[in-house]
Protein backbone atom coordinates (compact mmCIF):
# COMPACT_ATOMS: atom_id res chain seq x y z
CA MET A 1 0.00 0.00 0.00
CA PRO A 2 1.37 3.42 -0.89
CA LYS A 3 2.02 5.73 2.03
CA LYS A 4 -0.48 8.50 2.53
CA THR A 5 0.97 11.97 2.79
CA VAL A 6 -0.34 14.78 4.94
CA ALA A 7 -0.59 18.18 3.31
CA GLU A 8 1.85 20.70 4.73
CA PHE A 9 0.26 23.38 6.87
CA LYS A 10 1.47 26.60 8.38
CA VAL A 11 0.21 28.62 11.33
CA GLU A 12 0.37 32.38 10.97
CA TRP A 13 2.11 34.23 13.82
CA ILE A 14 1.39 37.87 14.67
CA GLN A 15 3.44 40.16 16.86
CA VAL A 16 3.12 43.94 16.58
CA LEU A 17 5.18 44.94 19.62
CA ASP A 18 8.39 43.15 20.52
CA GLU A 19 9.37 42.66 24.15
CA ASN A 20 10.99 46.12 24.21
CA GLY A 21 7.85 47.82 22.95
CA LYS A 22 9.21 48.42 19.46
CA CYS A 23 6.33 48.54 16.98
CA ASP A 24 6.09 46.95 13.55
CA GLU A 25 4.21 49.83 11.94
CA ALA A 26 3.21 47.70 8.95
CA LEU A 27 1.14 45.49 11.28
CA ALA A 28 -0.03 48.14 13.73
CA PRO A 29 -3.82 48.58 13.95
CA LYS A 30 -5.31 51.96 13.15
CA LEU A 31 -6.28 53.29 16.56
CA SER A 32 -6.62 56.87 17.74
CA GLU A 33 -4.45 58.21 20.56
CA ALA A 34 -7.50 58.07 22.82
CA GLU A 35 -8.07 54.41 21.94
CA LEU A 36 -4.42 53.55 22.50
CA LYS A 37 -4.59 55.12 25.96
CA LYS A 38 -7.91 53.41 26.67
CA LEU A 39 -6.29 50.02 26.10
CA TYR A 40 -3.60 50.93 28.63
CA GLU A 41 -6.07 52.18 31.21
CA LEU A 42 -8.19 49.04 30.90
CA MET A 43 -5.15 46.82 31.48
CA VAL A 44 -4.11 48.92 34.49
CA LEU A 45 -7.65 48.73 35.88
CA THR A 46 -7.72 44.97 35.32
CA ARG A 47 -4.48 44.53 37.25
CA ALA A 48 -5.65 46.79 40.06
CA PHE A 49 -8.81 44.71 40.39
CA ASP A 50 -6.87 41.46 40.26
CA GLU A 51 -4.37 42.52 42.93
CA LYS A 52 -7.15 43.75 45.21
CA ALA A 53 -9.19 40.57 44.75
CA PHE A 54 -6.15 38.49 45.67
CA LYS A 55 -5.62 40.51 48.86
CA LEU A 56 -9.30 40.29 49.79
CA GLN A 57 -9.18 36.53 49.42
CA ARG A 58 -6.15 36.30 51.68
CA GLN A 59 -8.02 38.44 54.22
CA GLY A 60 -11.03 36.13 54.13
CA ARG A 61 -13.22 38.72 52.41
CA LEU A 62 -13.52 36.74 49.13
CA GLY A 63 -13.73 33.06 48.38
CA THR A 64 -11.35 31.07 46.17
CA TYR A 65 -10.22 33.37 43.36
CA ALA A 66 -8.56 32.84 39.96
CA GLN A 67 -6.00 35.54 39.11
CA CYS A 68 -5.47 36.88 35.58
CA LEU A 69 -2.07 38.45 36.33
CA GLY A 70 0.00 38.50 33.12
CA GLN A 71 -2.96 37.85 30.83
CA GLU A 72 -4.35 41.39 30.68
CA ALA A 73 -3.36 41.96 27.04
CA SER A 74 -5.03 38.77 25.80
CA GLN A 75 -8.28 39.62 27.51
CA VAL A 76 -8.50 43.38 27.02
CA GLY A 77 -7.19 43.25 23.45
CA ALA A 78 -9.78 40.73 22.31
CA ALA A 79 -12.71 42.31 24.15
CA PHE A 80 -11.79 45.76 22.79
CA ALA A 81 -12.31 44.43 19.26
CA MET A 82 -15.95 43.53 19.99
CA LYS A 83 -18.99 45.69 19.32
CA ASN A 84 -21.74 46.27 21.86
CA GLU A 85 -24.08 43.92 19.99
CA ASP A 86 -21.57 41.06 20.20
CA TRP A 87 -21.71 38.57 23.04
CA LEU A 88 -18.96 37.43 25.41
CA PHE A 89 -18.77 33.87 26.78
CA PRO A 90 -16.10 34.04 29.51
CA THR A 91 -14.29 31.61 31.78
CA TYR A 92 -13.54 32.06 35.47
CA ARG A 93 -10.31 33.97 34.74
CA ASP A 94 -11.46 36.57 32.20
CA HIS A 95 -11.87 39.53 34.52
CA GLY A 96 -10.09 41.84 32.07
CA ALA A 97 -12.50 40.98 29.28
CA SER A 98 -15.47 41.50 31.61
CA ILE A 99 -14.15 44.86 32.79
CA ALA A 100 -13.48 45.96 29.20
CA ARG A 101 -17.09 45.05 28.37
CA GLY A 102 -18.39 47.26 31.18
CA ILE A 103 -19.30 44.74 33.88
CA PRO A 104 -19.50 46.67 37.19
CA ILE A 105 -16.46 45.77 39.27
CA ALA A 106 -18.61 45.49 42.40
CA LYS A 107 -20.44 42.62 40.69
CA LEU A 108 -17.17 40.81 40.09
CA PHE A 109 -16.32 41.11 43.78
CA GLN A 110 -19.85 39.99 44.67
CA TYR A 111 -19.56 36.84 42.59
CA TRP A 112 -16.11 35.91 43.91
CA GLY A 113 -17.42 36.62 47.39
CA GLY A 114 -19.77 33.66 46.93
CA ASP A 115 -22.92 35.56 45.99
CA GLU A 116 -24.39 34.22 42.73
CA ARG A 117 -26.23 37.50 42.23
CA GLY A 118 -22.90 38.87 41.07
CA ASN A 119 -23.48 36.78 37.94
CA ALA A 120 -26.68 38.68 37.15
CA ILE A 121 -25.47 40.57 34.07
CA PRO A 122 -26.88 44.09 33.52
CA GLU A 123 -29.41 44.13 30.68
CA GLU A 124 -27.37 46.52 28.54
CA ILE A 125 -24.26 44.29 28.55
CA ASN A 126 -24.17 41.27 26.24
CA ASN A 127 -22.14 38.94 28.42
CA LEU A 128 -23.00 35.50 29.66
CA PRO A 129 -22.24 34.59 33.30
CA VAL A 130 -18.86 33.18 34.30
CA ALA A 131 -18.48 29.53 33.26
CA ILE A 132 -16.73 27.38 35.88
CA PRO A 133 -16.90 24.01 34.02
CA VAL A 134 -13.88 23.77 31.72
CA GLY A 135 -14.80 24.36 28.07
CA THR A 136 -18.60 24.37 28.23
CA GLN A 137 -18.84 28.06 27.33
CA ALA A 138 -17.46 27.27 23.85
CA LEU A 139 -20.57 25.18 23.15
CA HIS A 140 -22.77 28.05 24.28
CA ALA A 141 -20.92 30.44 21.95
CA THR A 142 -21.37 28.13 18.97
CA GLY A 143 -25.04 27.61 19.76
CA PHE A 144 -25.43 31.37 19.96
CA GLY A 145 -23.71 31.80 16.60
CA MET A 146 -25.94 29.20 14.95
CA ALA A 147 -28.97 31.01 16.38
CA MET A 148 -27.75 34.32 14.94
CA ASN A 149 -27.60 32.71 11.50
CA ILE A 150 -31.13 31.39 11.84
CA MET A 151 -32.38 34.79 13.03
CA LYS A 152 -30.33 36.56 10.33
CA LYS A 153 -28.62 38.79 12.88
CA LYS A 154 -25.03 40.04 12.70
CA SER A 155 -23.95 39.63 16.31
CA VAL A 156 -20.75 37.65 16.93
CA GLY A 157 -20.02 35.34 19.85
CA VAL A 158 -16.54 35.56 21.38
CA THR A 159 -15.51 32.88 23.83
CA PHE A 160 -12.36 32.46 25.91
CA PHE A 161 -10.77 29.28 27.23
CA GLY A 162 -7.37 28.02 28.32
CA ASP A 163 -4.86 25.68 26.71
CA GLY A 164 -6.11 22.81 28.86
CA ALA A 165 -9.69 23.37 27.75
CA SER A 166 -8.58 23.12 24.11
CA SER A 167 -8.16 19.39 24.70
CA THR A 168 -11.68 18.88 26.00
CA GLY A 169 -14.43 17.35 23.92
CA ASP A 170 -16.67 20.36 24.48
CA VAL A 171 -14.25 22.77 22.79
CA GLN A 172 -13.52 20.42 19.90
CA ILE A 173 -17.23 19.80 19.33
CA ALA A 174 -17.92 23.53 19.51
CA MET A 175 -15.31 24.29 16.85
CA ASN A 176 -16.53 21.42 14.67
CA PHE A 177 -20.15 22.61 14.74
CA ALA A 178 -19.05 26.21 14.23
CA GLY A 179 -17.18 25.14 11.11
CA VAL A 180 -19.98 22.99 9.73
CA PHE A 181 -22.65 25.64 10.29
CA ASN A 182 -20.41 28.63 9.57
CA ALA A 183 -21.35 30.12 12.91
CA PRO A 184 -20.17 33.69 13.63
CA VAL A 185 -17.90 32.74 16.53
CA VAL A 186 -14.37 33.68 17.59
CA PHE A 187 -12.57 31.19 19.85
CA VAL A 188 -9.86 32.85 21.95
CA CYS A 189 -7.50 30.37 23.56
CA GLU A 190 -5.38 31.95 26.28
CA ASN A 191 -2.44 29.57 26.19
CA ASN A 192 -0.96 30.43 29.58
CA GLN A 193 1.24 27.30 29.45
CA TYR A 194 -0.47 25.33 32.23
CA ALA A 195 -3.71 23.35 32.50
CA ILE A 196 -3.84 23.78 36.28
CA SER A 197 -0.57 22.00 37.15
CA VAL A 198 -0.03 20.22 33.83
CA PRO A 199 2.24 21.93 31.26
CA LYS A 200 1.03 22.16 27.68
CA LYS A 201 3.51 19.55 26.43
CA LYS A 202 1.94 16.95 28.74
CA GLN A 203 -1.68 17.57 27.80
CA THR A 204 -1.42 17.88 24.00
CA ASN A 205 1.08 16.66 21.41
CA SER A 206 0.02 19.43 19.04
CA GLN A 207 2.88 21.84 18.30
CA THR A 208 0.44 24.75 18.48
CA ILE A 209 -3.15 25.05 19.59
CA ALA A 210 -3.95 27.27 16.62
CA GLN A 211 -3.42 24.34 14.24
CA LYS A 212 -6.35 22.50 15.80
CA ALA A 213 -8.54 24.81 13.73
CA ILE A 214 -7.41 23.01 10.58
CA ALA A 215 -9.22 19.79 11.54
CA HIS A 216 -12.47 21.72 11.82
CA GLY A 217 -12.09 23.70 8.63
CA ILE A 218 -11.94 27.07 10.38
CA ASN A 219 -9.35 29.82 10.48
CA GLY A 220 -6.50 29.47 12.97
CA ILE A 221 -3.88 32.01 14.03
CA GLN A 222 -1.30 32.33 16.79
CA VAL A 223 -0.49 35.71 18.33
CA ASP A 224 1.81 37.07 21.00
CA GLY A 225 -0.70 37.15 23.84
CA ASN A 226 1.37 39.67 25.81
CA ASP A 227 1.13 42.14 22.92
CA VAL A 228 -2.21 43.93 23.25
CA LEU A 229 -1.99 45.39 19.73
CA ALA A 230 -1.40 41.98 18.17
CA VAL A 231 -4.34 40.48 20.05
CA TYR A 232 -6.58 43.40 19.12
CA SER A 233 -5.60 43.18 15.44
CA ALA A 234 -6.21 39.44 15.24
CA ALA A 235 -9.50 39.67 17.14
CA LYS A 236 -10.77 42.61 15.10
CA LYS A 237 -10.14 40.77 11.85
CA ALA A 238 -11.69 37.57 13.21
CA VAL A 239 -14.80 39.36 14.50
CA GLU A 240 -15.27 41.22 11.21
CA GLU A 241 -14.88 38.02 9.18
CA ALA A 242 -17.33 36.17 11.41
CA ARG A 243 -19.83 39.00 11.09
CA SER A 244 -19.56 39.04 7.29
CA GLY A 245 -20.10 35.28 6.98
CA LYS A 246 -16.48 34.30 6.30
CA GLY A 247 -16.45 31.78 9.10
CA PRO A 248 -15.20 31.33 12.65
CA THR A 249 -11.60 31.74 13.84
CA LEU A 250 -9.48 30.18 16.56
CA ILE A 251 -6.96 32.64 18.02
CA GLU A 252 -4.22 31.20 20.18
CA CYS A 253 -2.81 33.88 22.49
CA LEU A 254 0.62 32.79 23.66
CA THR A 255 0.82 34.17 27.20
CA TYR A 256 1.62 33.09 30.76
CA ARG A 257 -0.18 32.79 34.07
CA LEU A 258 2.08 34.67 36.48
CA GLY A 259 -0.09 33.89 39.48
CA GLU A 260 -1.41 30.62 40.83
CA HIS A 261 -4.12 28.64 39.06
CA THR A 262 -6.37 29.80 41.88
CA THR A 263 -5.74 30.97 45.42
CA ALA A 264 -6.05 27.28 46.42
CA ASP A 265 -3.02 26.38 44.28
CA ASP A 266 0.72 26.21 44.97
CA SER A 267 2.51 26.50 41.63
CA LYS A 268 5.94 26.06 43.21
CA LYS A 269 5.20 22.33 43.19
CA TYR A 270 5.12 22.13 39.39
CA ARG A 271 7.08 25.06 37.91
CA SER A 272 10.31 26.85 38.68
CA GLU A 273 10.66 30.39 39.95
CA SER A 274 13.22 31.08 37.20
CA GLU A 275 10.56 30.26 34.58
CA VAL A 276 8.13 32.68 36.19
CA GLN A 277 10.76 35.41 36.33
CA GLU A 278 11.57 34.97 32.64
CA TRP A 279 7.93 35.55 31.80
CA ARG A 280 7.75 38.55 34.12
CA LYS A 281 10.19 40.21 31.74
CA LYS A 282 7.46 39.93 29.08
CA ASP A 283 4.90 41.77 31.21
CA PRO A 284 2.20 43.02 28.80
CA ILE A 285 1.65 46.31 30.62
CA ALA A 286 5.35 47.20 30.88
CA ARG A 287 5.81 46.41 27.18
CA TYR A 288 2.89 48.60 26.20
CA GLU A 289 4.18 51.44 28.38
CA LYS A 290 7.40 51.46 26.37
CA PHE A 291 5.41 51.64 23.15
CA LEU A 292 3.24 54.50 24.40
CA ALA A 293 6.27 56.37 25.69
CA GLY A 294 7.83 56.15 22.24
CA LYS A 295 4.74 57.82 20.82
CA GLY A 296 4.74 60.53 23.46
CA LEU A 297 1.59 59.13 25.09
CA TRP A 298 3.07 57.84 28.34
CA ASN A 299 5.16 59.28 31.16
CA GLU A 300 5.46 58.74 34.92
CA GLU A 301 2.85 61.39 35.67
CA TYR A 302 0.29 59.75 33.36
CA ALA A 303 1.09 56.30 34.77
CA LYS A 304 0.59 57.57 38.32
CA LYS A 305 -2.73 59.17 37.40
CA ALA A 306 -3.97 56.00 35.64
CA ALA A 307 -2.95 53.86 38.63
CA GLU A 308 -4.61 56.20 41.11
CA GLU A 309 -7.85 56.33 39.11
CA ALA A 310 -7.87 52.54 38.79
CA SER A 311 -7.27 52.14 42.51
CA ALA A 312 -10.07 54.58 43.34
CA LYS A 313 -12.52 52.69 41.11
CA VAL A 314 -11.56 49.38 42.69
CA GLU A 315 -11.77 50.66 46.26
CA SER A 316 -15.15 52.21 45.53
CA ALA A 317 -16.31 48.86 44.14
CA VAL A 318 -15.08 47.04 47.26
CA SER A 319 -17.05 49.42 49.44
CA GLU A 320 -20.15 48.93 47.31
CA TYR A 321 -19.75 45.15 47.33
CA GLU A 322 -19.36 44.89 51.09
CA LYS A 323 -22.52 46.93 51.67
CA ILE A 324 -24.70 44.58 49.62
CA PRO A 325 -27.19 42.79 51.93
CA LEU A 326 -26.84 39.03 52.06
CA PRO A 327 -29.28 37.07 49.87
CA SER A 328 -32.42 35.77 51.53
CA PRO A 329 -32.74 32.00 52.09
CA GLY A 330 -33.95 30.24 49.00
CA GLU A 331 -33.16 33.14 46.69
CA PHE A 332 -30.64 31.07 44.76
CA PHE A 333 -33.53 29.06 43.29
CA ASP A 334 -34.61 32.22 41.44
CA TYR A 335 -31.53 32.24 39.20
CA VAL A 336 -31.68 28.69 37.81
CA TYR A 337 -34.01 29.61 34.93
CA ALA A 338 -35.43 32.85 33.54
CA LYS A 339 -38.83 31.57 34.65
CA PRO A 340 -38.95 29.00 37.48
CA THR A 341 -40.19 25.57 36.47
CA GLN A 342 -42.74 23.74 38.57
CA GLU A 343 -40.01 21.45 39.89
CA ILE A 344 -37.80 24.36 40.94
CA SER A 345 -40.76 26.10 42.59
CA GLU A 346 -41.56 22.95 44.55
CA GLN A 347 -37.94 22.57 45.64
CA LYS A 348 -37.83 26.18 46.81
CA LYS A 349 -41.04 25.74 48.79
CA GLU A 350 -39.77 22.54 50.40
CA PHE A 351 -36.46 24.20 51.27
CA LEU A 352 -38.09 27.25 52.87
CA GLU A 353 -40.44 25.05 54.89
CA SER A 354 -37.45 23.07 56.19
CA LEU A 355 -36.08 26.27 57.71
CA LYS A 356 -39.15 26.88 59.86
């Protein structure tokens, strides 16, 4: 029998800013000075929230929390490319994307404080609640995209997941259906190098995650996930193509989780401090500051002002969150469905009667 050959494939790589903040002007997106500064301020606000949430957890004022330290560019860059009518399907780590989409920070604290009402998304924001199960939100995004086609609407679903989730059946099925039905979906994989404690090389033999798109007949691209301009450029193109009917895209953002998997984790057991320090040198915010400084848009005074404004917003949100009255017994039944089913109503009644 003659040997079968596999067609050669290539994965496109995009980097606009190198690690020293030097810009490849040929690839740079067309953004105004105000938009360039907005990207910076959103990343600074995301980090301020993340650092405060971590401290609150250590003080016993929040529950288990998943940091996004080091992944601000991947999240803010992709979310910034979305329009208001598009929908976000986030994971438990995508605080930057949620903040960029306008989710009140007090609600984020409320959710991580153990109050499910924090997942009640304001009507004017097209986000779905945080998905804790690994990879299930990708299915929701594809289903949403298929529905948009049926309804002949132009909204795009953008979903995030990690490198570990890319190996789950849910994500693979979601990409397969998206390809078959040409659903307007953008899959953003934040490859932060670890699926909890398992490094990428031990959970997939695929050289890149972006190439997994090939099997599903969709577009695949790999970007420097610590380069906010590269992520924005790739996401903007992907969202526009999805909206115009050119098909879904898988974007692999090559980044790194500088913090623990969650506050219940101890990453020293599975990765070296030297590895973490090497990635700290690629800090997405520091890199972007160098770029902005080169354009005359950043200096120490501006950085101090941005940090102070971010801190004030976060502290105000903490105060608001801690003044929220506790939910009444049985209230959690009200958030299972938009309209309670008979079974849920009976369970709520039985539960409340058991408290008497």
